[in-house]
C-alpha atoms as a PDB file:
ATOM      1  CA  VAL A   1      28.034 -12.432  10.363  1.00  0.00           C
ATOM      2  CA  GLU A   2      25.966 -15.049  12.133  1.00  0.00           C
ATOM      3  CA  ALA A   3      24.319 -17.982  10.393  1.00  0.00           C
ATOM      4  CA  PHE A   4      21.419 -19.852  11.965  1.00  0.00           C
ATOM      5  CA  LEU A   5      20.116 -23.259  10.969  1.00  0.00           C
ATOM      6  CA  GLY A   6      16.451 -23.621  11.870  1.00  0.00           C
ATOM      7  CA  ASP A   7      13.258 -21.624  11.718  1.00  0.00           C
ATOM      8  CA  ALA A   8      12.807 -17.921  12.406  1.00  0.00           C
ATOM      9  CA  ASN A   9      12.192 -18.520  16.118  1.00  0.00           C
ATOM     10  CA  LEU A  10      15.977 -18.824  16.481  1.00  0.00           C
ATOM     11  CA  LEU A  11      16.289 -15.100  15.780  1.00  0.00           C
ATOM     12  CA  GLY A  12      14.960 -14.260  19.245  1.00  0.00           C
ATOM     13  CA  GLU A  13      14.936 -10.628  20.327  1.00  0.00           C
ATOM     14  CA  SER A  14      17.901  -9.587  18.180  1.00  0.00           C
ATOM     15  CA  THR A  15      17.505  -7.220  15.243  1.00  0.00           C
ATOM     16  CA  PHE A  16      19.209  -7.460  11.871  1.00  0.00           C
ATOM     17  CA  ASP A  17      20.139  -5.272   8.908  1.00  0.00           C
ATOM     18  CA  ILE A  18      20.115  -8.213   6.477  1.00  0.00           C
ATOM     19  CA  ILE A  19      18.290 -11.535   6.569  1.00  0.00           C
ATOM     20  CA  PHE A  20      18.745 -14.378   4.073  1.00  0.00           C
ATOM     21  CA  ALA A  21      16.126 -17.146   4.013  1.00  0.00           C
ATOM     22  CA  ASN A  22      16.328 -20.040   1.561  1.00  0.00           C
ATOM     23  CA  ILE A  23      13.513 -22.537   1.996  1.00  0.00           C
ATOM     24  CA  HIS A  24      10.191 -23.383   0.389  1.00  0.00           C
ATOM     25  CA  LYS A  25       7.144 -21.122   0.179  1.00  0.00           C
ATOM     26  CA  ASN A  26       5.163 -22.416   3.143  1.00  0.00           C
ATOM     27  CA  ILE A  27       7.989 -21.906   5.620  1.00  0.00           C
ATOM     28  CA  LEU A  28       8.809 -18.474   4.196  1.00  0.00           C
ATOM     29  CA  LEU A  29       5.174 -17.420   4.577  1.00  0.00           C
ATOM     30  CA  GLN A  30       5.045 -18.865   8.084  1.00  0.00           C
ATOM     31  CA  ASP A  31       8.221 -17.072   9.190  1.00  0.00           C
ATOM     32  CA  MET A  32       7.889 -13.773   7.322  1.00  0.00           C
ATOM     33  CA  GLU A  33       6.152 -11.987  10.200  1.00  0.00           C
ATOM     34  CA  ILE A  34       9.144 -12.749  12.424  1.00  0.00           C
ATOM     35  CA  TYR A  35      11.574 -11.620   9.716  1.00  0.00           C
ATOM     36  CA  ALA A  36       9.689  -8.330   9.377  1.00  0.00           C
ATOM     37  CA  PHE A  37       9.653  -7.832  13.155  1.00  0.00           C
ATOM     38  CA  VAL A  38      13.406  -8.340  13.667  1.00  0.00           C
ATOM     39  CA  LEU A  39      14.479  -6.503  10.499  1.00  0.00           C
ATOM     40  CA  ASN A  40      15.830  -3.025  11.210  1.00  0.00           C
ATOM     41  CA  GLU A  41      14.285  -0.029   9.457  1.00  0.00           C
ATOM     42  CA  GLY A  42      16.012   0.196   6.079  1.00  0.00           C
ATOM     43  CA  GLY A  43      17.016  -3.474   6.363  1.00  0.00           C
ATOM     44  CA  LYS A  44      16.948  -5.979   3.515  1.00  0.00           C
ATOM     45  CA  LEU A  45      15.275  -9.388   3.374  1.00  0.00           C
ATOM     46  CA  PHE A  46      16.484 -11.811   0.705  1.00  0.00           C
ATOM     47  CA  MET A  47      14.404 -14.930   0.128  1.00  0.00           C
ATOM     48  CA  SER A  48      14.850 -17.838  -2.251  1.00  0.00           C
ATOM     49  CA  GLY A  49      13.953 -21.483  -2.614  1.00  0.00           C
ATOM     50  CA  PHE A  50      10.477 -21.034  -4.037  1.00  0.00           C
ATOM     51  CA  TYR A  51       8.899 -21.344  -7.475  1.00  0.00           C
ATOM     52  CA  THR A  52       7.815 -18.669  -9.927  1.00  0.00           C
ATOM     53  CA  GLU A  53       4.150 -19.469  -9.278  1.00  0.00           C
ATOM     54  CA  ASP A  54       4.697 -18.705  -5.558  1.00  0.00           C
ATOM     55  CA  LEU A  55       6.027 -15.193  -6.121  1.00  0.00           C
ATOM     56  CA  GLU A  56       2.611 -13.514  -5.906  1.00  0.00           C
ATOM     57  CA  ASP A  57       1.846 -15.109  -2.520  1.00  0.00           C
ATOM     58  CA  ILE A  58       5.297 -14.223  -1.172  1.00  0.00           C
ATOM     59  CA  THR A  59       5.026 -10.628  -2.427  1.00  0.00           C
ATOM     60  CA  SER A  60       1.498 -10.152  -1.056  1.00  0.00           C
ATOM     61  CA  CYS A  61       2.550 -11.391   2.369  1.00  0.00           C
ATOM     62  CA  ALA A  62       5.616  -9.124   2.398  1.00  0.00           C
ATOM     63  CA  GLU A  63       3.593  -6.070   1.395  1.00  0.00           C
ATOM     64  CA  ALA A  64       1.005  -6.806   4.105  1.00  0.00           C
ATOM     65  CA  LEU A  65       3.899  -6.694   6.591  1.00  0.00           C
ATOM     66  CA  LYS A  66       5.039  -3.295   5.234  1.00  0.00           C
ATOM     67  CA  LEU A  67       7.989  -4.721   3.321  1.00  0.00           C
ATOM     68  CA  SER A  68       8.659  -3.197  -0.098  1.00  0.00           C
ATOM     69  CA  VAL A  69       9.535  -5.318  -3.101  1.00  0.00           C
ATOM     70  CA  VAL A  70      12.979  -4.399  -4.406  1.00  0.00           C
ATOM     71  CA  SER A  71      13.527  -6.994  -7.128  1.00  0.00           C
ATOM     72  CA  HIS A  72      13.413 -10.643  -8.050  1.00  0.00           C
ATOM     73  CA  LYS A  73      15.317 -12.999 -10.334  1.00  0.00           C
ATOM     74  CA  VAL A  74      14.144 -16.244 -11.923  1.00  0.00           C
ATOM     75  CA  SER A  75      16.277 -19.181 -13.007  1.00  0.00           C
ATOM     76  CA  ASN A  76      14.793 -22.507 -14.120  1.00  0.00           C
ATOM     77  CA  ASN A  77      11.474 -21.665 -12.382  1.00  0.00           C
ATOM     78  CA  TRP A  78      13.272 -20.907  -9.058  1.00  0.00           C
ATOM     79  CA  VAL A  79      12.973 -17.388  -7.616  1.00  0.00           C
ATOM     80  CA  ALA A  80      15.171 -15.190  -5.464  1.00  0.00           C
ATOM     81  CA  ALA A  81      13.463 -12.006  -4.246  1.00  0.00           C
ATOM     82  CA  SER A  82      14.571  -9.041  -2.201  1.00  0.00           C
ATOM     83  CA  PHE A  83      12.510  -6.775   0.031  1.00  0.00           C
ATOM     84  CA  SER A  84      13.259  -3.740   2.175  1.00  0.00           C
ATOM     85  CA  LYS A  85      11.724  -2.395   5.343  1.00  0.00           C
END
Protein backbone atom coordinates (compact mmCIF):
# COMPACT_ATOMS: atom_id res chain seq x y z
CA VAL A 1 0.00 0.00 0.00
CA GLU A 2 1.30 3.42 -0.93
CA ALA A 3 -0.22 6.67 0.31
CA PHE A 4 0.37 9.95 -1.49
CA LEU A 5 -0.23 13.43 -0.12
CA GLY A 6 -0.91 15.88 -2.93
CA ASP A 7 -2.88 16.08 -6.14
CA ALA A 8 -3.37 13.36 -8.73
CA ASN A 9 -0.25 14.41 -10.65
CA LEU A 10 1.75 12.50 -8.02
CA LEU A 11 0.38 9.24 -9.43
CA GLY A 12 2.63 9.52 -12.48
CA GLU A 13 2.69 6.63 -14.93
CA SER A 14 1.83 3.95 -12.37
CA THR A 15 -1.47 2.09 -12.46
CA PHE A 16 -3.63 1.11 -9.51
CA ASP A 17 -6.35 -1.37 -8.57
CA ILE A 18 -7.77 0.91 -5.86
CA ILE A 19 -7.67 4.67 -5.43
CA PHE A 20 -8.97 6.59 -2.41
CA ALA A 21 -9.47 10.35 -2.75
CA ASN A 22 -10.82 12.46 0.10
CA ILE A 23 -11.04 16.14 -0.76
CA HIS A 24 -13.65 18.66 -1.85
CA LYS A 25 -15.67 18.56 -5.07
CA ASN A 26 -13.62 20.92 -7.21
CA ILE A 27 -10.38 19.01 -6.71
CA LEU A 28 -12.10 15.66 -7.25
CA LEU A 29 -13.56 16.92 -10.53
CA GLN A 30 -10.21 18.36 -11.56
CA ASP A 31 -8.33 15.13 -10.82
CA MET A 32 -10.89 12.53 -11.88
CA GLU A 33 -9.55 12.23 -15.43
CA ILE A 34 -6.16 11.26 -14.02
CA TYR A 35 -7.76 8.78 -11.61
CA ALA A 36 -9.65 7.17 -14.49
CA PHE A 37 -6.49 6.99 -16.61
CA VAL A 38 -4.32 5.27 -13.97
CA LEU A 39 -7.07 2.98 -12.65
CA ASN A 40 -6.71 -0.59 -13.88
CA GLU A 41 -9.62 -2.24 -15.69
CA GLY A 42 -11.89 -3.61 -12.96
CA GLY A 43 -10.33 -1.18 -10.47
CA LYS A 44 -12.24 0.74 -7.81
CA LEU A 45 -12.25 4.48 -7.12
CA PHE A 46 -13.49 5.61 -3.70
CA MET A 47 -14.12 9.32 -3.23
CA SER A 48 -15.31 11.30 -0.24
CA GLY A 49 -15.13 14.77 1.23
CA PHE A 50 -17.96 16.33 -0.74
CA TYR A 51 -21.55 17.30 -0.01
CA THR A 52 -24.80 15.61 -0.98
CA GLU A 53 -25.60 18.41 -3.44
CA ASP A 54 -22.30 17.68 -5.26
CA LEU A 55 -23.07 14.01 -5.91
CA GLU A 56 -24.74 14.62 -9.28
CA ASP A 57 -21.73 16.56 -10.62
CA ILE A 58 -19.30 13.92 -9.33
CA THR A 59 -21.38 11.07 -10.80
CA SER A 60 -21.79 12.79 -14.18
CA CYS A 61 -18.06 13.39 -14.46
CA ALA A 62 -17.28 9.78 -13.53
CA GLU A 63 -19.75 8.39 -16.06
CA ALA A 64 -18.31 10.64 -18.79
CA LEU A 65 -14.93 9.02 -18.04
CA LYS A 66 -16.45 5.51 -18.37
CA LEU A 67 -16.52 4.87 -14.63
CA SER A 68 -19.59 3.05 -13.31
CA VAL A 69 -21.33 4.11 -10.12
CA VAL A 70 -21.22 1.30 -7.57
CA SER A 71 -22.74 2.95 -4.50
CA HIS A 72 -22.71 5.94 -2.21
CA LYS A 73 -23.33 6.64 1.47
CA VAL A 74 -24.43 9.87 3.13
CA SER A 75 -23.76 10.98 6.69
CA ASN A 76 -24.56 14.48 7.94
CA ASN A 77 -24.66 15.81 4.34
CA TRP A 78 -21.18 14.34 3.58
CA VAL A 79 -20.90 11.72 0.82
CA ALA A 80 -18.61 8.78 0.15
CA ALA A 81 -19.04 7.24 -3.31
CA SER A 82 -17.50 4.29 -5.09
CA PHE A 83 -16.98 3.76 -8.80
CA SER A 84 -15.52 0.97 -10.92
CA LYS A 85 -13.73 0.93 -14.23
